[in-house]
Amino acid sequence: MRDGALVVRVQAPPIDGRANDALCRLVAKHVGLAPSKVAVRRGAGARDKLLELRGIDGATLRRVLRP
């Protein structure tokens, strides 16, 4: 976490949405969701992204992401 945002790095190249897919899969695995429940809602072509996670509430998400 940095300045209230989750910082994630993936090795997939930013070509044809591969990096976004890798990000969604990584986040889904870490928080215990199916990859289909995680989607990029804003910033698909940018470094900063807004993700939508369906099936997890905010309190649980904060607890899971706590360092």
PDB file of N, CA and C in Angstrom:
ATOM      1  N   MET A   1       0.854  -1.176   0.000  1.00  0.00           N
ATOM      2  CA  MET A   1       0.000   0.000   0.000  1.00  0.00           C
ATOM      3  C   MET A   1       0.899   1.238   0.000  1.00  0.00           C
ATOM      4  N   ARG A   2       0.503   2.198  -0.809  1.00  0.00           N
ATOM      5  CA  ARG A   2       1.216   3.473  -0.848  1.00  0.00           C
ATOM      6  C   ARG A   2       0.187   4.578  -1.052  1.00  0.00           C
ATOM      7  N   ASP A   3       0.141   5.514  -0.119  1.00  0.00           N
ATOM      8  CA  ASP A   3      -0.786   6.651  -0.199  1.00  0.00           C
ATOM      9  C   ASP A   3      -2.228   6.193  -0.399  1.00  0.00           C
ATOM     10  N   GLY A   4      -2.627   5.134   0.281  1.00  0.00           N
ATOM     11  CA  GLY A   4      -3.995   4.645   0.207  1.00  0.00           C
ATOM     12  C   GLY A   4      -4.314   3.823  -1.029  1.00  0.00           C
ATOM     13  N   ALA A   5      -3.320   3.523  -1.836  1.00  0.00           N
ATOM     14  CA  ALA A   5      -3.540   2.730  -3.042  1.00  0.00           C
ATOM     15  C   ALA A   5      -2.708   1.459  -2.982  1.00  0.00           C
ATOM     16  N   LEU A   6      -3.240   0.397  -3.536  1.00  0.00           N
ATOM     17  CA  LEU A   6      -2.521  -0.861  -3.622  1.00  0.00           C
ATOM     18  C   LEU A   6      -1.543  -0.778  -4.783  1.00  0.00           C
ATOM     19  N   VAL A   7      -0.288  -1.088  -4.530  1.00  0.00           N
ATOM     20  CA  VAL A   7       0.737  -1.061  -5.575  1.00  0.00           C
ATOM     21  C   VAL A   7       1.026  -2.505  -5.967  1.00  0.00           C
ATOM     22  N   VAL A   8       0.846  -2.812  -7.249  1.00  0.00           N
ATOM     23  CA  VAL A   8       1.021  -4.172  -7.750  1.00  0.00           C
ATOM     24  C   VAL A   8       1.870  -4.112  -9.017  1.00  0.00           C
ATOM     25  N   ARG A   9       2.757  -5.071  -9.154  1.00  0.00           N
ATOM     26  CA  ARG A   9       3.551  -5.194 -10.381  1.00  0.00           C
ATOM     27  C   ARG A   9       3.305  -6.574 -10.963  1.00  0.00           C
ATOM     28  N   VAL A  10       3.105  -6.624 -12.267  1.00  0.00           N
ATOM     29  CA  VAL A  10       2.956  -7.910 -12.962  1.00  0.00           C
ATOM     30  C   VAL A  10       4.010  -7.976 -14.052  1.00  0.00           C
ATOM     31  N   GLN A  11       4.338  -9.182 -14.455  1.00  0.00           N
ATOM     32  CA  GLN A  11       5.365  -9.357 -15.483  1.00  0.00           C
ATOM     33  C   GLN A  11       4.788  -9.386 -16.889  1.00  0.00           C
ATOM     34  N   ALA A  12       3.480  -9.513 -17.015  1.00  0.00           N
ATOM     35  CA  ALA A  12       2.860  -9.579 -18.344  1.00  0.00           C
ATOM     36  C   ALA A  12       3.028  -8.242 -19.060  1.00  0.00           C
ATOM     37  N   PRO A  13       3.244  -8.281 -20.358  1.00  0.00           N
ATOM     38  CA  PRO A  13       3.409  -7.036 -21.117  1.00  0.00           C
ATOM     39  C   PRO A  13       2.069  -6.328 -21.308  1.00  0.00           C
ATOM     40  N   PRO A  14       2.110  -5.012 -21.418  1.00  0.00           N
ATOM     41  CA  PRO A  14       0.869  -4.260 -21.605  1.00  0.00           C
ATOM     42  C   PRO A  14       0.409  -4.289 -23.069  1.00  0.00           C
ATOM     43  N   ILE A  15       0.277  -5.473 -23.601  1.00  0.00           N
ATOM     44  CA  ILE A  15      -0.119  -5.664 -24.993  1.00  0.00           C
ATOM     45  C   ILE A  15      -1.405  -6.492 -25.012  1.00  0.00           C
ATOM     46  N   ASP A  16      -2.392  -6.017 -25.757  1.00  0.00           N
ATOM     47  CA  ASP A  16      -3.661  -6.742 -25.912  1.00  0.00           C
ATOM     48  C   ASP A  16      -4.326  -7.073 -24.574  1.00  0.00           C
ATOM     49  N   GLY A  17      -4.149  -6.221 -23.569  1.00  0.00           N
ATOM     50  CA  GLY A  17      -4.813  -6.408 -22.282  1.00  0.00           C
ATOM     51  C   GLY A  17      -4.212  -7.480 -21.396  1.00  0.00           C
ATOM     52  N   ARG A  18      -3.036  -7.998 -21.783  1.00  0.00           N
ATOM     53  CA  ARG A  18      -2.426  -9.090 -20.994  1.00  0.00           C
ATOM     54  C   ARG A  18      -2.046  -8.646 -19.591  1.00  0.00           C
ATOM     55  N   ALA A  19      -1.534  -7.436 -19.447  1.00  0.00           N
ATOM     56  CA  ALA A  19      -1.161  -6.958 -18.106  1.00  0.00           C
ATOM     57  C   ALA A  19      -2.409  -6.764 -17.242  1.00  0.00           C
ATOM     58  N   ASN A  20      -3.466  -6.249 -17.824  1.00  0.00           N
ATOM     59  CA  ASN A  20      -4.712  -6.084 -17.066  1.00  0.00           C
ATOM     60  C   ASN A  20      -5.272  -7.434 -16.636  1.00  0.00           C
ATOM     61  N   ASP A  21      -5.244  -8.418 -17.521  1.00  0.00           N
ATOM     62  CA  ASP A  21      -5.706  -9.760 -17.169  1.00  0.00           C
ATOM     63  C   ASP A  21      -4.864 -10.354 -16.044  1.00  0.00           C
ATOM     64  N   ALA A  22      -3.553 -10.183 -16.132  1.00  0.00           N
ATOM     65  CA  ALA A  22      -2.659 -10.699 -15.088  1.00  0.00           C
ATOM     66  C   ALA A  22      -2.950 -10.009 -13.753  1.00  0.00           C
ATOM     67  N   LEU A  23      -3.190  -8.718 -13.792  1.00  0.00           N
ATOM     68  CA  LEU A  23      -3.519  -7.977 -12.570  1.00  0.00           C
ATOM     69  C   LEU A  23      -4.801  -8.511 -11.957  1.00  0.00           C
ATOM     70  N   CYS A  24      -5.831  -8.680 -12.758  1.00  0.00           N
ATOM     71  CA  CYS A  24      -7.116  -9.178 -12.246  1.00  0.00           C
ATOM     72  C   CYS A  24      -6.973 -10.575 -11.661  1.00  0.00           C
ATOM     73  N   ARG A  25      -6.230 -11.444 -12.340  1.00  0.00           N
ATOM     74  CA  ARG A  25      -6.016 -12.801 -11.826  1.00  0.00           C
ATOM     75  C   ARG A  25      -5.251 -12.781 -10.505  1.00  0.00           C
ATOM     76  N   LEU A  26      -4.219 -11.934 -10.429  1.00  0.00           N
ATOM     77  CA  LEU A  26      -3.409 -11.845  -9.220  1.00  0.00           C
ATOM     78  C   LEU A  26      -4.232 -11.348  -8.033  1.00  0.00           C
ATOM     79  N   VAL A  27      -4.981 -10.280  -8.235  1.00  0.00           N
ATOM     80  CA  VAL A  27      -5.807  -9.727  -7.161  1.00  0.00           C
ATOM     81  C   VAL A  27      -6.870 -10.741  -6.751  1.00  0.00           C
ATOM     82  N   ALA A  28      -7.512 -11.376  -7.718  1.00  0.00           N
ATOM     83  CA  ALA A  28      -8.545 -12.366  -7.414  1.00  0.00           C
ATOM     84  C   ALA A  28      -7.982 -13.500  -6.562  1.00  0.00           C
ATOM     85  N   LYS A  29      -6.828 -13.997  -6.935  1.00  0.00           N
ATOM     86  CA  LYS A  29      -6.208 -15.087  -6.178  1.00  0.00           C
ATOM     87  C   LYS A  29      -5.877 -14.647  -4.756  1.00  0.00           C
ATOM     88  N   HIS A  30      -5.358 -13.445  -4.613  1.00  0.00           N
ATOM     89  CA  HIS A  30      -4.938 -12.959  -3.300  1.00  0.00           C
ATOM     90  C   HIS A  30      -6.122 -12.750  -2.349  1.00  0.00           C
ATOM     91  N   VAL A  31      -7.254 -12.308  -2.885  1.00  0.00           N
ATOM     92  CA  VAL A  31      -8.409 -12.032  -2.012  1.00  0.00           C
ATOM     93  C   VAL A  31      -9.411 -13.184  -1.990  1.00  0.00           C
ATOM     94  N   GLY A  32      -9.146 -14.260  -2.758  1.00  0.00           N
ATOM     95  CA  GLY A  32     -10.001 -15.440  -2.706  1.00  0.00           C
ATOM     96  C   GLY A  32     -11.259 -15.346  -3.555  1.00  0.00           C
ATOM     97  N   LEU A  33     -11.184 -14.643  -4.674  1.00  0.00           N
ATOM     98  CA  LEU A  33     -12.309 -14.534  -5.589  1.00  0.00           C
ATOM     99  C   LEU A  33     -11.990 -15.250  -6.892  1.00  0.00           C
ATOM    100  N   ALA A  34     -13.035 -15.568  -7.640  1.00  0.00           N
ATOM    101  CA  ALA A  34     -12.844 -16.080  -8.990  1.00  0.00           C
ATOM    102  C   ALA A  34     -12.350 -14.934  -9.864  1.00  0.00           C
ATOM    103  N   PRO A  35     -11.468 -15.192 -10.810  1.00  0.00           N
ATOM    104  CA  PRO A  35     -10.972 -14.115 -11.683  1.00  0.00           C
ATOM    105  C   PRO A  35     -12.086 -13.363 -12.411  1.00  0.00           C
ATOM    106  N   SER A  36     -13.195 -14.023 -12.673  1.00  0.00           N
ATOM    107  CA  SER A  36     -14.315 -13.354 -13.346  1.00  0.00           C
ATOM    108  C   SER A  36     -14.989 -12.308 -12.466  1.00  0.00           C
ATOM    109  N   LYS A  37     -14.679 -12.296 -11.179  1.00  0.00           N
ATOM    110  CA  LYS A  37     -15.267 -11.341 -10.243  1.00  0.00           C
ATOM    111  C   LYS A  37     -14.439 -10.070 -10.103  1.00  0.00           C
ATOM    112  N   VAL A  38     -13.320  -9.985 -10.820  1.00  0.00           N
ATOM    113  CA  VAL A  38     -12.437  -8.815 -10.763  1.00  0.00           C
ATOM    114  C   VAL A  38     -12.324  -8.225 -12.166  1.00  0.00           C
ATOM    115  N   ALA A  39     -12.543  -6.915 -12.261  1.00  0.00           N
ATOM    116  CA  ALA A  39     -12.486  -6.265 -13.569  1.00  0.00           C
ATOM    117  C   ALA A  39     -11.876  -4.877 -13.441  1.00  0.00           C
ATOM    118  N   VAL A  40     -11.197  -4.436 -14.476  1.00  0.00           N
ATOM    119  CA  VAL A  40     -10.681  -3.070 -14.544  1.00  0.00           C
ATOM    120  C   VAL A  40     -11.843  -2.185 -14.969  1.00  0.00           C
ATOM    121  N   ARG A  41     -12.213  -1.233 -14.136  1.00  0.00           N
ATOM    122  CA  ARG A  41     -13.324  -0.333 -14.436  1.00  0.00           C
ATOM    123  C   ARG A  41     -12.860   1.002 -14.996  1.00  0.00           C
ATOM    124  N   ARG A  42     -11.648   1.411 -14.642  1.00  0.00           N
ATOM    125  CA  ARG A  42     -11.105   2.669 -15.168  1.00  0.00           C
ATOM    126  C   ARG A  42      -9.596   2.528 -15.262  1.00  0.00           C
ATOM    127  N   GLY A  43      -9.026   3.056 -16.333  1.00  0.00           N
ATOM    128  CA  GLY A  43      -7.583   3.070 -16.489  1.00  0.00           C
ATOM    129  C   GLY A  43      -7.007   1.866 -17.201  1.00  0.00           C
ATOM    130  N   ALA A  44      -7.788   1.223 -18.050  1.00  0.00           N
ATOM    131  CA  ALA A  44      -7.307   0.019 -18.735  1.00  0.00           C
ATOM    132  C   ALA A  44      -6.021   0.272 -19.515  1.00  0.00           C
ATOM    133  N   GLY A  45      -5.840   1.483 -20.025  1.00  0.00           N
ATOM    134  CA  GLY A  45      -4.633   1.793 -20.781  1.00  0.00           C
ATOM    135  C   GLY A  45      -3.639   2.634 -20.019  1.00  0.00           C
ATOM    136  N   ALA A  46      -3.854   2.778 -18.713  1.00  0.00           N
ATOM    137  CA  ALA A  46      -3.002   3.641 -17.888  1.00  0.00           C
ATOM    138  C   ALA A  46      -2.338   2.822 -16.778  1.00  0.00           C
ATOM    139  N   ARG A  47      -1.358   3.439 -16.137  1.00  0.00           N
ATOM    140  CA  ARG A  47      -0.692   2.770 -15.011  1.00  0.00           C
ATOM    141  C   ARG A  47      -1.594   2.709 -13.788  1.00  0.00           C
ATOM    142  N   ASP A  48      -2.360   3.768 -13.534  1.00  0.00           N
ATOM    143  CA  ASP A  48      -3.288   3.807 -12.401  1.00  0.00           C
ATOM    144  C   ASP A  48      -4.627   3.246 -12.845  1.00  0.00           C
ATOM    145  N   LYS A  49      -5.164   2.318 -12.064  1.00  0.00           N
ATOM    146  CA  LYS A  49      -6.400   1.632 -12.438  1.00  0.00           C
ATOM    147  C   LYS A  49      -7.373   1.617 -11.273  1.00  0.00           C
ATOM    148  N   LEU A  50      -8.634   1.534 -11.598  1.00  0.00           N
ATOM    149  CA  LEU A  50      -9.687   1.322 -10.619  1.00  0.00           C
ATOM    150  C   LEU A  50     -10.267  -0.054 -10.904  1.00  0.00           C
ATOM    151  N   LEU A  51     -10.202  -0.937  -9.911  1.00  0.00           N
ATOM    152  CA  LEU A  51     -10.720  -2.291 -10.078  1.00  0.00           C
ATOM    153  C   LEU A  51     -12.067  -2.424  -9.396  1.00  0.00           C
ATOM    154  N   GLU A  52     -12.920  -3.248  -9.978  1.00  0.00           N
ATOM    155  CA  GLU A  52     -14.185  -3.621  -9.362  1.00  0.00           C
ATOM    156  C   GLU A  52     -14.047  -5.066  -8.896  1.00  0.00           C
ATOM    157  N   LEU A  53     -14.330  -5.290  -7.613  1.00  0.00           N
ATOM    158  CA  LEU A  53     -14.288  -6.635  -7.052  1.00  0.00           C
ATOM    159  C   LEU A  53     -15.689  -6.976  -6.583  1.00  0.00           C
ATOM    160  N   ARG A  54     -16.300  -7.976  -7.193  1.00  0.00           N
ATOM    161  CA  ARG A  54     -17.653  -8.385  -6.827  1.00  0.00           C
ATOM    162  C   ARG A  54     -17.571  -9.616  -5.928  1.00  0.00           C
ATOM    163  N   GLY A  55     -18.337  -9.577  -4.823  1.00  0.00           N
ATOM    164  CA  GLY A  55     -18.386 -10.736  -3.948  1.00  0.00           C
ATOM    165  C   GLY A  55     -17.533 -10.603  -2.704  1.00  0.00           C
ATOM    166  N   ILE A  56     -17.049  -9.405  -2.420  1.00  0.00           N
ATOM    167  CA  ILE A  56     -16.265  -9.170  -1.201  1.00  0.00           C
ATOM    168  C   ILE A  56     -16.612  -7.774  -0.690  1.00  0.00           C
ATOM    169  N   ASP A  57     -16.830  -7.661   0.621  1.00  0.00           N
ATOM    170  CA  ASP A  57     -17.177  -6.355   1.170  1.00  0.00           C
ATOM    171  C   ASP A  57     -15.904  -5.586   1.533  1.00  0.00           C
ATOM    172  N   GLY A  58     -16.063  -4.292   1.733  1.00  0.00           N
ATOM    173  CA  GLY A  58     -14.923  -3.412   1.983  1.00  0.00           C
ATOM    174  C   GLY A  58     -14.115  -3.785   3.215  1.00  0.00           C
ATOM    175  N   ALA A  59     -14.787  -4.145   4.306  1.00  0.00           N
ATOM    176  CA  ALA A  59     -14.079  -4.497   5.536  1.00  0.00           C
ATOM    177  C   ALA A  59     -13.222  -5.751   5.336  1.00  0.00           C
ATOM    178  N   THR A  60     -13.770  -6.744   4.663  1.00  0.00           N
ATOM    179  CA  THR A  60     -13.021  -7.974   4.396  1.00  0.00           C
ATOM    180  C   THR A  60     -11.841  -7.687   3.479  1.00  0.00           C
ATOM    181  N   LEU A  61     -12.063  -6.868   2.469  1.00  0.00           N
ATOM    182  CA  LEU A  61     -10.986  -6.523   1.542  1.00  0.00           C
ATOM    183  C   LEU A  61      -9.844  -5.820   2.269  1.00  0.00           C
ATOM    184  N   ARG A  62     -10.169  -4.858   3.121  1.00  0.00           N
ATOM    185  CA  ARG A  62      -9.115  -4.163   3.879  1.00  0.00           C
ATOM    186  C   ARG A  62      -8.345  -5.130   4.781  1.00  0.00           C
ATOM    187  N   ARG A  63      -9.054  -6.062   5.407  1.00  0.00           N
ATOM    188  CA  ARG A  63      -8.400  -7.040   6.285  1.00  0.00           C
ATOM    189  C   ARG A  63      -7.455  -7.943   5.483  1.00  0.00           C
ATOM    190  N   VAL A  64      -7.888  -8.380   4.310  1.00  0.00           N
ATOM    191  CA  VAL A  64      -7.079  -9.266   3.474  1.00  0.00           C
ATOM    192  C   VAL A  64      -5.846  -8.543   2.936  1.00  0.00           C
ATOM    193  N   LEU A  65      -5.998  -7.274   2.611  1.00  0.00           N
ATOM    194  CA  LEU A  65      -4.886  -6.515   2.019  1.00  0.00           C
ATOM    195  C   LEU A  65      -3.948  -5.899   3.053  1.00  0.00           C
ATOM    196  N   ARG A  66      -4.307  -6.003   4.317  1.00  0.00           N
ATOM    197  CA  ARG A  66      -3.457  -5.439   5.365  1.00  0.00           C
ATOM    198  C   ARG A  66      -2.087  -6.102   5.337  1.00  0.00           C
ATOM    199  N   PRO A  67      -1.013  -5.273   5.402  1.00  0.00           N
ATOM    200  CA  PRO A  67       0.343  -5.859   5.355  1.00  0.00           C
ATOM    201  C   PRO A  67       0.657  -6.724   6.568  1.00  0.00           C
TER     202      PRO A  67
END
